Amino acid sequence: MILLHILIVGGGKIGTYLAESLQKEGNKISLVEKDEERSKKLARDLEALIINGDGTNVEVLRDAGAVNADVLVAVTDDDDTNLVACQFAKNEFSIKRTIARVNDESKESLFENIGVDDVIPMANAAATSFKNSIRTGPLKTIFSYGDEDINLNEVIVKEDSEVLNKTLEEINFPENSIVVSIIREDNIIFPSGKTTLKKGDKVQILMYSKDIDKIEKIF
């Protein structure tokens, strides 16, 4: 099942990481990269549509599937490119959500004023920040391990959650998922199967990326 169609502008370290990890979670990925040699390498390494071109060109974005994209993430090291790509996403293709890396923090307000949904300054531009902005579900990534197949994620138990007042052993977690800790108010709990989940608990789960959708359905 395809969760989201995500269009990434910029095939540097952050763009590559996002393409790899989000694709493993079941999302459809297309990526625009201006450098020809890097584009060729990305095409060899990634299971994604790679378009060699300029992210400020409407036709390049169209070739990359912008017409059907749910999210555009602009993560180049050029603020003008990121800004224009987000403008086209909104104005030409009606993409629902735009996320941009901002290298010059003095330009943050400019991005916000044109309607970019989430502006992430370079100082805070850990790749997990972009992943968390893309996701619409309750799960947030704290850390990714190794080749990004394994994540430590956090989810908060809500008042209407199906797991509220259940013990961990009563919950059908995906195989090999491990609840490593629960933060309750100011206390850290290292749980057992008998631990009961309460409203407001921050549940930290070590899990495979492929199981994110299953975990979000549980919570």
N, C-alpha and C. Protein backbone atom coordinates (compact mmCIF):
# COMPACT_ATOMS: atom_id res chain seq x y z
N MET A 1 0.84 -1.20 0.00
CA MET A 1 0.00 0.00 0.00
C MET A 1 0.88 1.25 0.00
N ILE A 2 0.63 2.17 -0.93
CA ILE A 2 1.36 3.43 -0.97
C ILE A 2 0.74 4.40 0.03
N LEU A 3 1.57 4.93 0.93
CA LEU A 3 1.07 5.86 1.93
C LEU A 3 0.95 7.26 1.36
N LEU A 4 2.06 7.81 0.85
CA LEU A 4 2.10 9.15 0.28
C LEU A 4 2.98 9.15 -0.96
N HIS A 5 2.69 10.07 -1.88
CA HIS A 5 3.61 10.34 -2.98
C HIS A 5 4.39 11.59 -2.60
N ILE A 6 5.70 11.42 -2.40
CA ILE A 6 6.55 12.50 -1.91
C ILE A 6 7.56 12.88 -2.98
N LEU A 7 7.57 14.17 -3.33
CA LEU A 7 8.50 14.71 -4.31
C LEU A 7 9.60 15.46 -3.57
N ILE A 8 10.83 15.03 -3.75
CA ILE A 8 11.98 15.64 -3.08
C ILE A 8 12.79 16.43 -4.10
N VAL A 9 13.10 17.68 -3.78
CA VAL A 9 13.96 18.50 -4.62
C VAL A 9 15.29 18.64 -3.90
N GLY A 10 16.33 18.04 -4.49
CA GLY A 10 17.66 18.06 -3.88
C GLY A 10 18.11 16.67 -3.49
N GLY A 11 19.19 16.20 -4.14
CA GLY A 11 19.67 14.85 -3.89
C GLY A 11 20.95 14.79 -3.10
N GLY A 12 21.15 15.75 -2.19
CA GLY A 12 22.30 15.71 -1.29
C GLY A 12 22.08 14.70 -0.19
N LYS A 13 22.81 14.88 0.93
CA LYS A 13 22.73 13.89 2.01
C LYS A 13 21.32 13.79 2.59
N ILE A 14 20.70 14.94 2.83
CA ILE A 14 19.36 14.90 3.43
C ILE A 14 18.35 14.33 2.45
N GLY A 15 18.39 14.79 1.20
CA GLY A 15 17.46 14.29 0.20
C GLY A 15 17.60 12.80 -0.03
N THR A 16 18.84 12.33 -0.08
CA THR A 16 19.08 10.90 -0.28
C THR A 16 18.56 10.08 0.89
N TYR A 17 18.86 10.55 2.09
CA TYR A 17 18.37 9.85 3.29
C TYR A 17 16.84 9.78 3.28
N LEU A 18 16.20 10.90 3.00
CA LEU A 18 14.74 10.92 2.99
C LEU A 18 14.18 9.94 1.95
N ALA A 19 14.77 9.96 0.76
CA ALA A 19 14.29 9.06 -0.30
C ALA A 19 14.42 7.60 0.13
N GLU A 20 15.56 7.25 0.70
CA GLU A 20 15.79 5.86 1.12
C GLU A 20 14.82 5.43 2.22
N SER A 21 14.77 6.23 3.27
CA SER A 21 14.00 5.81 4.45
C SER A 21 12.50 5.90 4.22
N LEU A 22 12.04 6.94 3.53
CA LEU A 22 10.59 7.08 3.29
C LEU A 22 10.08 6.03 2.31
N GLN A 23 10.93 5.64 1.36
CA GLN A 23 10.53 4.59 0.44
C GLN A 23 10.37 3.26 1.18
N LYS A 24 11.25 3.00 2.14
CA LYS A 24 11.17 1.76 2.91
C LYS A 24 9.90 1.71 3.76
N GLU A 25 9.35 2.87 4.08
CA GLU A 25 8.12 2.92 4.87
C GLU A 25 6.87 2.72 4.01
N GLY A 26 7.06 2.61 2.69
CA GLY A 26 5.93 2.35 1.81
C GLY A 26 5.45 3.53 1.00
N ASN A 27 6.19 4.65 1.06
CA ASN A 27 5.81 5.83 0.29
C ASN A 27 6.37 5.76 -1.13
N LYS A 28 5.69 6.42 -2.05
CA LYS A 28 6.18 6.55 -3.42
C LYS A 28 7.06 7.79 -3.49
N ILE A 29 8.27 7.63 -4.00
CA ILE A 29 9.25 8.72 -3.98
C ILE A 29 9.67 9.09 -5.39
N SER A 30 9.71 10.40 -5.65
CA SER A 30 10.39 10.92 -6.84
C SER A 30 11.32 12.03 -6.38
N LEU A 31 12.44 12.18 -7.08
CA LEU A 31 13.48 13.10 -6.63
C LEU A 31 14.06 13.86 -7.82
N VAL A 32 14.22 15.17 -7.64
CA VAL A 32 14.82 16.03 -8.66
C VAL A 32 16.21 16.44 -8.20
N GLU A 33 17.20 16.20 -9.03
CA GLU A 33 18.59 16.58 -8.72
C GLU A 33 19.22 17.25 -9.94
N LYS A 34 19.83 18.40 -9.71
CA LYS A 34 20.38 19.20 -10.80
C LYS A 34 21.67 18.64 -11.37
N ASP A 35 22.49 18.05 -10.52
CA ASP A 35 23.79 17.53 -10.96
C ASP A 35 23.61 16.19 -11.69
N GLU A 36 24.14 16.13 -12.91
CA GLU A 36 23.91 14.95 -13.74
C GLU A 36 24.55 13.69 -13.17
N GLU A 37 25.81 13.80 -12.72
CA GLU A 37 26.49 12.62 -12.20
C GLU A 37 25.83 12.10 -10.92
N ARG A 38 25.44 13.03 -10.05
CA ARG A 38 24.75 12.61 -8.83
C ARG A 38 23.41 11.96 -9.17
N SER A 39 22.73 12.48 -10.17
CA SER A 39 21.45 11.90 -10.59
C SER A 39 21.64 10.46 -11.05
N LYS A 40 22.69 10.21 -11.80
CA LYS A 40 22.96 8.85 -12.28
C LYS A 40 23.21 7.90 -11.13
N LYS A 41 23.97 8.37 -10.13
CA LYS A 41 24.26 7.54 -8.96
C LYS A 41 22.99 7.26 -8.17
N LEU A 42 22.17 8.28 -8.00
CA LEU A 42 20.92 8.10 -7.27
C LEU A 42 20.01 7.10 -7.99
N ALA A 43 19.99 7.19 -9.31
CA ALA A 43 19.16 6.27 -10.11
C ALA A 43 19.62 4.82 -9.93
N ARG A 44 20.93 4.63 -9.76
CA ARG A 44 21.46 3.28 -9.52
C ARG A 44 21.16 2.79 -8.11
N ASP A 45 21.20 3.71 -7.15
CA ASP A 45 21.15 3.30 -5.75
C ASP A 45 19.74 3.26 -5.15
N LEU A 46 18.81 4.03 -5.70
CA LEU A 46 17.50 4.17 -5.08
C LEU A 46 16.39 3.53 -5.90
N GLU A 47 15.38 3.04 -5.21
CA GLU A 47 14.17 2.55 -5.87
C GLU A 47 13.18 3.71 -5.95
N ALA A 48 13.51 4.68 -6.77
CA ALA A 48 12.69 5.90 -6.87
C ALA A 48 12.85 6.47 -8.28
N LEU A 49 11.89 7.33 -8.66
CA LEU A 49 12.01 8.04 -9.92
C LEU A 49 12.97 9.21 -9.73
N ILE A 50 14.06 9.20 -10.48
CA ILE A 50 15.07 10.27 -10.38
C ILE A 50 15.03 11.10 -11.66
N ILE A 51 14.84 12.40 -11.51
CA ILE A 51 14.82 13.31 -12.64
C ILE A 51 16.01 14.26 -12.54
N ASN A 52 16.83 14.27 -13.58
CA ASN A 52 17.96 15.20 -13.63
C ASN A 52 17.44 16.52 -14.19
N GLY A 53 17.41 17.55 -13.35
CA GLY A 53 16.91 18.84 -13.80
C GLY A 53 16.87 19.84 -12.66
N ASP A 54 16.37 21.02 -13.00
CA ASP A 54 16.31 22.14 -12.06
C ASP A 54 14.95 22.18 -11.38
N GLY A 55 14.94 22.17 -10.05
CA GLY A 55 13.71 22.17 -9.29
C GLY A 55 12.90 23.45 -9.40
N THR A 56 13.46 24.47 -10.07
CA THR A 56 12.71 25.71 -10.29
C THR A 56 12.03 25.72 -11.65
N ASN A 57 12.11 24.61 -12.36
CA ASN A 57 11.50 24.48 -13.68
C ASN A 57 10.19 23.70 -13.56
N VAL A 58 9.10 24.32 -13.97
CA VAL A 58 7.79 23.70 -13.83
C VAL A 58 7.72 22.36 -14.56
N GLU A 59 8.29 22.29 -15.75
CA GLU A 59 8.21 21.06 -16.53
C GLU A 59 9.02 19.93 -15.90
N VAL A 60 10.13 20.29 -15.27
CA VAL A 60 10.92 19.28 -14.56
C VAL A 60 10.11 18.72 -13.40
N LEU A 61 9.45 19.59 -12.65
CA LEU A 61 8.61 19.14 -11.54
C LEU A 61 7.45 18.28 -12.06
N ARG A 62 6.90 18.67 -13.21
CA ARG A 62 5.82 17.88 -13.80
C ARG A 62 6.32 16.48 -14.16
N ASP A 63 7.52 16.41 -14.76
CA ASP A 63 8.10 15.11 -15.13
C ASP A 63 8.34 14.24 -13.89
N ALA A 64 8.58 14.89 -12.75
CA ALA A 64 8.84 14.16 -11.51
C ALA A 64 7.56 13.75 -10.80
N GLY A 65 6.42 14.05 -11.40
CA GLY A 65 5.15 13.60 -10.83
C GLY A 65 4.47 14.58 -9.91
N ALA A 66 4.78 15.88 -10.05
CA ALA A 66 4.20 16.88 -9.16
C ALA A 66 2.68 16.92 -9.21
N VAL A 67 2.12 16.57 -10.35
CA VAL A 67 0.66 16.62 -10.51
C VAL A 67 -0.03 15.70 -9.49
N ASN A 68 0.61 14.59 -9.16
CA ASN A 68 -0.01 13.62 -8.26
C ASN A 68 0.64 13.57 -6.88
N ALA A 69 1.59 14.47 -6.60
CA ALA A 69 2.32 14.42 -5.33
C ALA A 69 1.46 14.93 -4.18
N ASP A 70 1.64 14.33 -3.01
CA ASP A 70 0.97 14.78 -1.79
C ASP A 70 1.82 15.78 -1.02
N VAL A 71 3.14 15.63 -1.13
CA VAL A 71 4.09 16.46 -0.37
C VAL A 71 5.26 16.81 -1.27
N LEU A 72 5.72 18.06 -1.19
CA LEU A 72 7.00 18.44 -1.80
C LEU A 72 7.95 18.88 -0.70
N VAL A 73 9.16 18.29 -0.72
CA VAL A 73 10.19 18.64 0.25
C VAL A 73 11.39 19.20 -0.52
N ALA A 74 11.72 20.47 -0.28
CA ALA A 74 12.84 21.11 -0.98
C ALA A 74 14.02 21.22 -0.02
N VAL A 75 15.10 20.49 -0.31
CA VAL A 75 16.21 20.40 0.64
C VAL A 75 17.56 20.69 -0.03
N THR A 76 17.57 21.54 -1.05
CA THR A 76 18.84 21.90 -1.67
C THR A 76 19.58 22.89 -0.76
N ASP A 77 20.84 23.18 -1.14
CA ASP A 77 21.61 24.17 -0.35
C ASP A 77 21.42 25.59 -0.89
N ASP A 78 20.41 25.76 -1.76
CA ASP A 78 20.13 27.07 -2.34
C ASP A 78 18.72 27.50 -1.95
N ASP A 79 18.61 28.56 -1.18
CA ASP A 79 17.31 29.00 -0.69
C ASP A 79 16.36 29.42 -1.80
N ASP A 80 16.90 30.06 -2.85
CA ASP A 80 16.03 30.49 -3.95
C ASP A 80 15.38 29.29 -4.63
N THR A 81 16.15 28.24 -4.82
CA THR A 81 15.60 27.02 -5.43
C THR A 81 14.51 26.43 -4.55
N ASN A 82 14.77 26.35 -3.26
CA ASN A 82 13.78 25.77 -2.35
C ASN A 82 12.50 26.61 -2.33
N LEU A 83 12.67 27.92 -2.34
CA LEU A 83 11.52 28.83 -2.30
C LEU A 83 10.66 28.68 -3.55
N VAL A 84 11.30 28.74 -4.72
CA VAL A 84 10.57 28.67 -5.99
C VAL A 84 9.90 27.30 -6.15
N ALA A 85 10.60 26.24 -5.78
CA ALA A 85 10.01 24.89 -5.88
C ALA A 85 8.74 24.80 -5.05
N CYS A 86 8.76 25.37 -3.85
CA CYS A 86 7.57 25.35 -2.99
C CYS A 86 6.45 26.21 -3.56
N GLN A 87 6.81 27.34 -4.16
CA GLN A 87 5.80 28.20 -4.79
C GLN A 87 5.10 27.47 -5.92
N PHE A 88 5.88 26.83 -6.79
CA PHE A 88 5.28 26.07 -7.89
C PHE A 88 4.43 24.92 -7.37
N ALA A 89 4.90 24.27 -6.31
CA ALA A 89 4.14 23.16 -5.73
C ALA A 89 2.74 23.61 -5.34
N LYS A 90 2.66 24.78 -4.71
CA LYS A 90 1.37 25.30 -4.26
C LYS A 90 0.54 25.87 -5.42
N ASN A 91 1.18 26.73 -6.21
CA ASN A 91 0.43 27.52 -7.19
C ASN A 91 0.15 26.79 -8.50
N GLU A 92 1.07 25.94 -8.93
CA GLU A 92 0.91 25.25 -10.22
C GLU A 92 0.31 23.86 -10.07
N PHE A 93 0.62 23.20 -8.96
CA PHE A 93 0.23 21.79 -8.83
C PHE A 93 -0.70 21.51 -7.66
N SER A 94 -0.97 22.52 -6.85
CA SER A 94 -1.88 22.36 -5.69
C SER A 94 -1.46 21.21 -4.78
N ILE A 95 -0.15 21.07 -4.58
CA ILE A 95 0.35 20.06 -3.66
C ILE A 95 -0.03 20.47 -2.24
N LYS A 96 -0.58 19.53 -1.49
CA LYS A 96 -1.18 19.85 -0.19
C LYS A 96 -0.17 20.37 0.83
N ARG A 97 1.02 19.80 0.83
CA ARG A 97 1.97 20.14 1.89
C ARG A 97 3.35 20.41 1.30
N THR A 98 3.97 21.51 1.73
CA THR A 98 5.32 21.86 1.30
C THR A 98 6.21 22.04 2.52
N ILE A 99 7.44 21.53 2.39
CA ILE A 99 8.42 21.60 3.48
C ILE A 99 9.73 22.06 2.86
N ALA A 100 10.38 23.02 3.50
CA ALA A 100 11.60 23.58 2.91
C ALA A 100 12.72 23.69 3.94
N ARG A 101 13.91 23.38 3.48
CA ARG A 101 15.13 23.69 4.22
C ARG A 101 15.49 25.15 3.94
N VAL A 102 15.86 25.87 5.00
CA VAL A 102 16.29 27.26 4.85
C VAL A 102 17.72 27.38 5.36
N ASN A 103 18.61 27.78 4.46
CA ASN A 103 20.02 27.87 4.81
C ASN A 103 20.36 29.20 5.48
N ASP A 104 19.69 30.26 5.07
CA ASP A 104 19.87 31.59 5.64
C ASP A 104 18.67 31.89 6.54
N GLU A 105 18.87 31.84 7.85
CA GLU A 105 17.75 31.95 8.79
C GLU A 105 17.01 33.29 8.68
N SER A 106 17.67 34.30 8.13
CA SER A 106 17.00 35.60 7.97
C SER A 106 15.88 35.53 6.94
N LYS A 107 15.85 34.45 6.14
CA LYS A 107 14.82 34.30 5.11
C LYS A 107 13.62 33.47 5.57
N GLU A 108 13.64 33.01 6.81
CA GLU A 108 12.55 32.16 7.30
C GLU A 108 11.18 32.81 7.09
N SER A 109 11.07 34.09 7.44
CA SER A 109 9.78 34.77 7.33
C SER A 109 9.31 34.85 5.88
N LEU A 110 10.26 34.97 4.94
CA LEU A 110 9.91 35.00 3.52
C LEU A 110 9.23 33.70 3.12
N PHE A 111 9.79 32.58 3.54
CA PHE A 111 9.21 31.27 3.24
C PHE A 111 7.82 31.15 3.86
N GLU A 112 7.72 31.59 5.10
CA GLU A 112 6.43 31.50 5.79
C GLU A 112 5.37 32.38 5.12
N ASN A 113 5.79 33.56 4.66
CA ASN A 113 4.85 34.50 4.06
C ASN A 113 4.28 34.02 2.74
N ILE A 114 5.03 33.20 2.01
CA ILE A 114 4.50 32.69 0.74
C ILE A 114 3.69 31.41 0.93
N GLY A 115 3.62 30.94 2.18
CA GLY A 115 2.74 29.81 2.46
C GLY A 115 3.40 28.45 2.55
N VAL A 116 4.74 28.40 2.70
CA VAL A 116 5.40 27.11 2.92
C VAL A 116 4.92 26.56 4.26
N ASP A 117 4.47 25.33 4.28
CA ASP A 117 3.82 24.78 5.47
C ASP A 117 4.78 24.55 6.62
N ASP A 118 5.99 24.11 6.32
CA ASP A 118 6.95 23.85 7.39
C ASP A 118 8.32 24.30 6.93
N VAL A 119 8.89 25.25 7.67
CA VAL A 119 10.19 25.82 7.34
C VAL A 119 11.20 25.33 8.37
N ILE A 120 12.23 24.63 7.91
CA ILE A 120 13.20 24.03 8.83
C ILE A 120 14.56 24.67 8.60
N PRO A 121 15.05 25.46 9.57
CA PRO A 121 16.37 26.10 9.42
C PRO A 121 17.48 25.06 9.34
N MET A 122 18.54 25.39 8.62
CA MET A 122 19.64 24.46 8.45
C MET A 122 20.22 24.03 9.79
N ALA A 123 20.19 24.93 10.78
CA ALA A 123 20.74 24.59 12.11
C ALA A 123 19.97 23.44 12.75
N ASN A 124 18.70 23.28 12.36
CA ASN A 124 17.86 22.20 12.93
C ASN A 124 17.57 21.11 11.91
N ALA A 125 18.33 21.11 10.81
CA ALA A 125 17.94 20.29 9.66
C ALA A 125 18.44 18.85 9.73
N ALA A 126 18.24 18.22 10.88
CA ALA A 126 18.45 16.77 10.93
C ALA A 126 17.41 16.12 10.04
N ALA A 127 17.80 15.06 9.37
CA ALA A 127 16.87 14.43 8.43
C ALA A 127 15.59 13.96 9.12
N THR A 128 15.70 13.57 10.40
CA THR A 128 14.49 13.14 11.10
C THR A 128 13.50 14.29 11.26
N SER A 129 13.98 15.55 11.28
CA SER A 129 13.07 16.70 11.36
C SER A 129 12.17 16.75 10.13
N PHE A 130 12.74 16.47 8.96
CA PHE A 130 11.95 16.47 7.73
C PHE A 130 10.97 15.29 7.71
N LYS A 131 11.43 14.13 8.17
CA LYS A 131 10.54 12.97 8.20
C LYS A 131 9.34 13.23 9.09
N ASN A 132 9.59 13.83 10.25
CA ASN A 132 8.49 14.10 11.17
C ASN A 132 7.52 15.14 10.61
N SER A 133 8.04 16.07 9.80
CA SER A 133 7.17 17.07 9.17
C SER A 133 6.30 16.44 8.08
N ILE A 134 6.85 15.47 7.40
CA ILE A 134 6.12 14.80 6.32
C ILE A 134 4.98 13.95 6.87
N ARG A 135 5.24 13.26 7.96
CA ARG A 135 4.25 12.33 8.49
C ARG A 135 3.02 13.06 9.00
N THR A 136 1.87 12.48 8.74
CA THR A 136 0.61 13.02 9.26
C THR A 136 0.13 12.23 10.47
N GLY A 137 0.71 11.05 10.69
CA GLY A 137 0.29 10.21 11.80
C GLY A 137 0.94 10.62 13.11
N PRO A 138 0.62 9.89 14.19
CA PRO A 138 1.09 10.27 15.52
C PRO A 138 2.53 9.91 15.84
N LEU A 139 3.14 9.07 15.02
CA LEU A 139 4.47 8.57 15.32
C LEU A 139 5.55 9.57 14.92
N LYS A 140 6.52 9.80 15.80
CA LYS A 140 7.64 10.69 15.52
C LYS A 140 8.96 9.93 15.71
N THR A 141 9.88 10.13 14.78
CA THR A 141 11.17 9.45 14.85
C THR A 141 12.12 10.23 15.76
N ILE A 142 12.71 9.54 16.71
CA ILE A 142 13.71 10.14 17.58
C ILE A 142 15.10 9.90 17.03
N PHE A 143 15.33 8.68 16.55
CA PHE A 143 16.66 8.33 16.05
C PHE A 143 16.54 7.18 15.07
N SER A 144 17.44 7.16 14.08
CA SER A 144 17.50 6.06 13.12
C SER A 144 18.84 5.37 13.24
N TYR A 145 18.82 4.04 13.13
CA TYR A 145 20.01 3.25 13.34
C TYR A 145 20.47 2.61 12.02
N GLY A 146 21.78 2.45 11.92
CA GLY A 146 22.36 1.69 10.81
C GLY A 146 21.95 2.23 9.47
N ASP A 147 21.37 1.39 8.64
CA ASP A 147 21.00 1.78 7.28
C ASP A 147 19.58 2.33 7.24
N GLU A 148 19.07 2.76 8.39
CA GLU A 148 17.76 3.40 8.55
C GLU A 148 16.59 2.41 8.51
N ASP A 149 16.88 1.11 8.51
CA ASP A 149 15.78 0.15 8.58
C ASP A 149 15.16 0.11 9.96
N ILE A 150 15.94 0.48 10.98
CA ILE A 150 15.48 0.41 12.36
C ILE A 150 15.42 1.82 12.94
N ASN A 151 14.28 2.15 13.54
CA ASN A 151 14.08 3.48 14.12
C ASN A 151 13.66 3.36 15.58
N LEU A 152 14.04 4.36 16.37
CA LEU A 152 13.44 4.56 17.68
C LEU A 152 12.38 5.64 17.51
N ASN A 153 11.13 5.26 17.69
CA ASN A 153 10.01 6.18 17.48
C ASN A 153 9.26 6.42 18.78
N GLU A 154 8.56 7.53 18.81
CA GLU A 154 7.77 7.88 20.00
C GLU A 154 6.34 8.19 19.60
N VAL A 155 5.40 7.72 20.39
CA VAL A 155 3.99 8.00 20.16
C VAL A 155 3.34 8.30 21.52
N ILE A 156 2.42 9.26 21.53
CA ILE A 156 1.74 9.64 22.77
C ILE A 156 0.38 8.97 22.84
N VAL A 157 0.06 8.40 23.99
CA VAL A 157 -1.23 7.76 24.20
C VAL A 157 -2.29 8.83 24.39
N LYS A 158 -3.27 8.86 23.51
CA LYS A 158 -4.35 9.86 23.56
C LYS A 158 -5.56 9.31 24.32
N GLU A 159 -6.48 10.21 24.63
CA GLU A 159 -7.67 9.84 25.38
C GLU A 159 -8.55 8.85 24.64
N ASP A 160 -8.53 8.94 23.29
CA ASP A 160 -9.37 8.04 22.49
C ASP A 160 -8.59 6.88 21.88
N SER A 161 -7.37 6.66 22.36
CA SER A 161 -6.53 5.60 21.80
C SER A 161 -7.04 4.22 22.20
N GLU A 162 -6.96 3.28 21.30
CA GLU A 162 -7.39 1.91 21.58
C GLU A 162 -6.53 1.23 22.63
N VAL A 163 -5.31 1.73 22.84
CA VAL A 163 -4.39 1.08 23.79
C VAL A 163 -4.52 1.65 25.20
N LEU A 164 -5.33 2.68 25.37
CA LEU A 164 -5.50 3.30 26.68
C LEU A 164 -5.98 2.28 27.71
N ASN A 165 -5.27 2.22 28.84
CA ASN A 165 -5.58 1.33 29.97
C ASN A 165 -5.36 -0.15 29.65
N LYS A 166 -4.67 -0.44 28.56
CA LYS A 166 -4.28 -1.82 28.26
C LYS A 166 -2.85 -2.07 28.73
N THR A 167 -2.57 -3.31 29.08
CA THR A 167 -1.18 -3.67 29.37
C THR A 167 -0.45 -3.93 28.06
N LEU A 168 0.86 -3.85 28.09
CA LEU A 168 1.63 -4.07 26.86
C LEU A 168 1.41 -5.47 26.29
N GLU A 169 1.24 -6.45 27.18
CA GLU A 169 1.06 -7.82 26.68
C GLU A 169 -0.31 -8.02 26.03
N GLU A 170 -1.22 -7.09 26.23
CA GLU A 170 -2.55 -7.16 25.60
C GLU A 170 -2.57 -6.52 24.21
N ILE A 171 -1.48 -5.84 23.87
CA ILE A 171 -1.42 -5.09 22.60
C ILE A 171 -0.68 -5.91 21.56
N ASN A 172 -1.24 -5.98 20.37
CA ASN A 172 -0.66 -6.80 19.30
C ASN A 172 0.37 -6.00 18.50
N PHE A 173 1.56 -5.83 19.09
CA PHE A 173 2.63 -5.13 18.40
C PHE A 173 3.20 -5.99 17.27
N PRO A 174 3.71 -5.36 16.19
CA PRO A 174 4.37 -6.14 15.14
C PRO A 174 5.55 -6.93 15.71
N GLU A 175 5.82 -8.06 15.09
CA GLU A 175 6.93 -8.90 15.52
C GLU A 175 8.24 -8.10 15.49
N ASN A 176 9.05 -8.28 16.51
CA ASN A 176 10.36 -7.65 16.67
C ASN A 176 10.30 -6.17 17.05
N SER A 177 9.10 -5.64 17.31
CA SER A 177 8.99 -4.29 17.86
C SER A 177 9.14 -4.37 19.38
N ILE A 178 9.89 -3.44 19.95
CA ILE A 178 10.17 -3.49 21.39
C ILE A 178 9.85 -2.13 22.01
N VAL A 179 8.99 -2.14 23.03
CA VAL A 179 8.76 -0.92 23.81
C VAL A 179 9.91 -0.80 24.80
N VAL A 180 10.78 0.17 24.57
CA VAL A 180 12.00 0.27 25.38
C VAL A 180 11.81 1.14 26.62
N SER A 181 10.91 2.12 26.54
CA SER A 181 10.66 2.97 27.70
C SER A 181 9.34 3.71 27.53
N ILE A 182 8.83 4.17 28.66
CA ILE A 182 7.62 5.00 28.68
C ILE A 182 7.93 6.22 29.55
N ILE A 183 7.67 7.41 29.00
CA ILE A 183 7.84 8.63 29.78
C ILE A 183 6.47 9.05 30.28
N ARG A 184 6.32 9.05 31.61
CA ARG A 184 5.04 9.41 32.24
C ARG A 184 5.28 10.60 33.16
N GLU A 185 4.75 11.74 32.74
CA GLU A 185 5.04 13.00 33.42
C GLU A 185 6.56 13.19 33.42
N ASP A 186 7.20 13.23 34.60
CA ASP A 186 8.65 13.43 34.62
C ASP A 186 9.42 12.16 34.90
N ASN A 187 8.74 11.03 34.81
CA ASN A 187 9.36 9.75 35.17
C ASN A 187 9.58 8.88 33.94
N ILE A 188 10.69 8.16 33.93
CA ILE A 188 10.98 7.18 32.88
C ILE A 188 10.69 5.80 33.43
N ILE A 189 9.86 5.05 32.72
CA ILE A 189 9.50 3.70 33.12
C ILE A 189 10.10 2.72 32.13
N PHE A 190 10.80 1.70 32.65
CA PHE A 190 11.28 0.61 31.80
C PHE A 190 10.27 -0.52 31.97
N PRO A 191 9.40 -0.71 30.99
CA PRO A 191 8.18 -1.50 31.19
C PRO A 191 8.39 -3.00 31.12
N SER A 192 7.40 -3.71 31.64
CA SER A 192 7.25 -5.14 31.45
C SER A 192 5.94 -5.38 30.72
N GLY A 193 5.63 -6.61 30.45
CA GLY A 193 4.37 -6.92 29.78
C GLY A 193 3.15 -6.52 30.60
N LYS A 194 3.33 -6.39 31.92
CA LYS A 194 2.21 -6.04 32.80
C LYS A 194 2.00 -4.54 32.92
N THR A 195 2.88 -3.73 32.32
CA THR A 195 2.76 -2.27 32.41
C THR A 195 1.52 -1.80 31.66
N THR A 196 0.71 -0.97 32.31
CA THR A 196 -0.52 -0.43 31.72
C THR A 196 -0.26 0.95 31.15
N LEU A 197 -0.75 1.20 29.94
CA LEU A 197 -0.58 2.50 29.31
C LEU A 197 -1.67 3.46 29.78
N LYS A 198 -1.23 4.68 30.09
CA LYS A 198 -2.14 5.71 30.58
C LYS A 198 -2.13 6.92 29.65
N LYS A 199 -3.17 7.73 29.74
CA LYS A 199 -3.27 8.93 28.91
C LYS A 199 -2.05 9.83 29.12
N GLY A 200 -1.46 10.28 28.00
CA GLY A 200 -0.31 11.17 28.05
C GLY A 200 1.02 10.46 28.07
N ASP A 201 1.01 9.13 28.20
CA ASP A 201 2.27 8.38 28.17
C ASP A 201 2.98 8.58 26.83
N LYS A 202 4.27 8.84 26.87
CA LYS A 202 5.09 8.87 25.67
C LYS A 202 5.78 7.51 25.55
N VAL A 203 5.32 6.73 24.58
CA VAL A 203 5.79 5.36 24.42
C VAL A 203 6.89 5.32 23.37
N GLN A 204 8.07 4.87 23.76
CA GLN A 204 9.20 4.83 22.84
C GLN A 204 9.42 3.39 22.38
N ILE A 205 9.38 3.21 21.06
CA ILE A 205 9.35 1.87 20.46
C ILE A 205 10.49 1.72 19.48
N LEU A 206 11.27 0.68 19.65
CA LEU A 206 12.31 0.32 18.68
C LEU A 206 11.68 -0.62 17.67
N MET A 207 11.77 -0.26 16.38
CA MET A 207 10.99 -0.99 15.39
C MET A 207 11.58 -0.86 13.99
N TYR A 208 11.14 -1.73 13.11
CA TYR A 208 11.52 -1.63 11.70
C TYR A 208 10.67 -0.57 11.01
N SER A 209 11.27 0.13 10.05
CA SER A 209 10.56 1.18 9.31
C SER A 209 9.29 0.64 8.65
N LYS A 210 9.34 -0.58 8.18
CA LYS A 210 8.20 -1.15 7.45
C LYS A 210 6.96 -1.32 8.32
N ASP A 211 7.14 -1.25 9.65
CA ASP A 211 6.02 -1.48 10.56
C ASP A 211 5.39 -0.19 11.08
N ILE A 212 5.83 0.96 10.59
CA ILE A 212 5.31 2.24 11.09
C ILE A 212 3.80 2.33 10.92
N ASP A 213 3.30 1.95 9.76
CA ASP A 213 1.86 2.04 9.51
C ASP A 213 1.08 1.15 10.48
N LYS A 214 1.60 -0.03 10.79
CA LYS A 214 0.94 -0.95 11.72
C LYS A 214 0.88 -0.35 13.12
N ILE A 215 1.98 0.26 13.56
CA ILE A 215 2.02 0.86 14.89
C ILE A 215 1.04 2.03 14.99
N GLU A 216 1.00 2.85 13.93
CA GLU A 216 0.10 4.01 13.97
C GLU A 216 -1.36 3.57 14.03
N LYS A 217 -1.69 2.47 13.40
CA LYS A 217 -3.07 1.97 13.47
C LYS A 217 -3.41 1.49 14.88
N ILE A 218 -2.42 0.94 15.58
CA ILE A 218 -2.66 0.47 16.95
C ILE A 218 -2.98 1.64 17.88
N PHE A 219 -2.26 2.76 17.67
CA PHE A 219 -2.41 3.91 18.57
C PHE A 219 -3.45 4.91 18.07
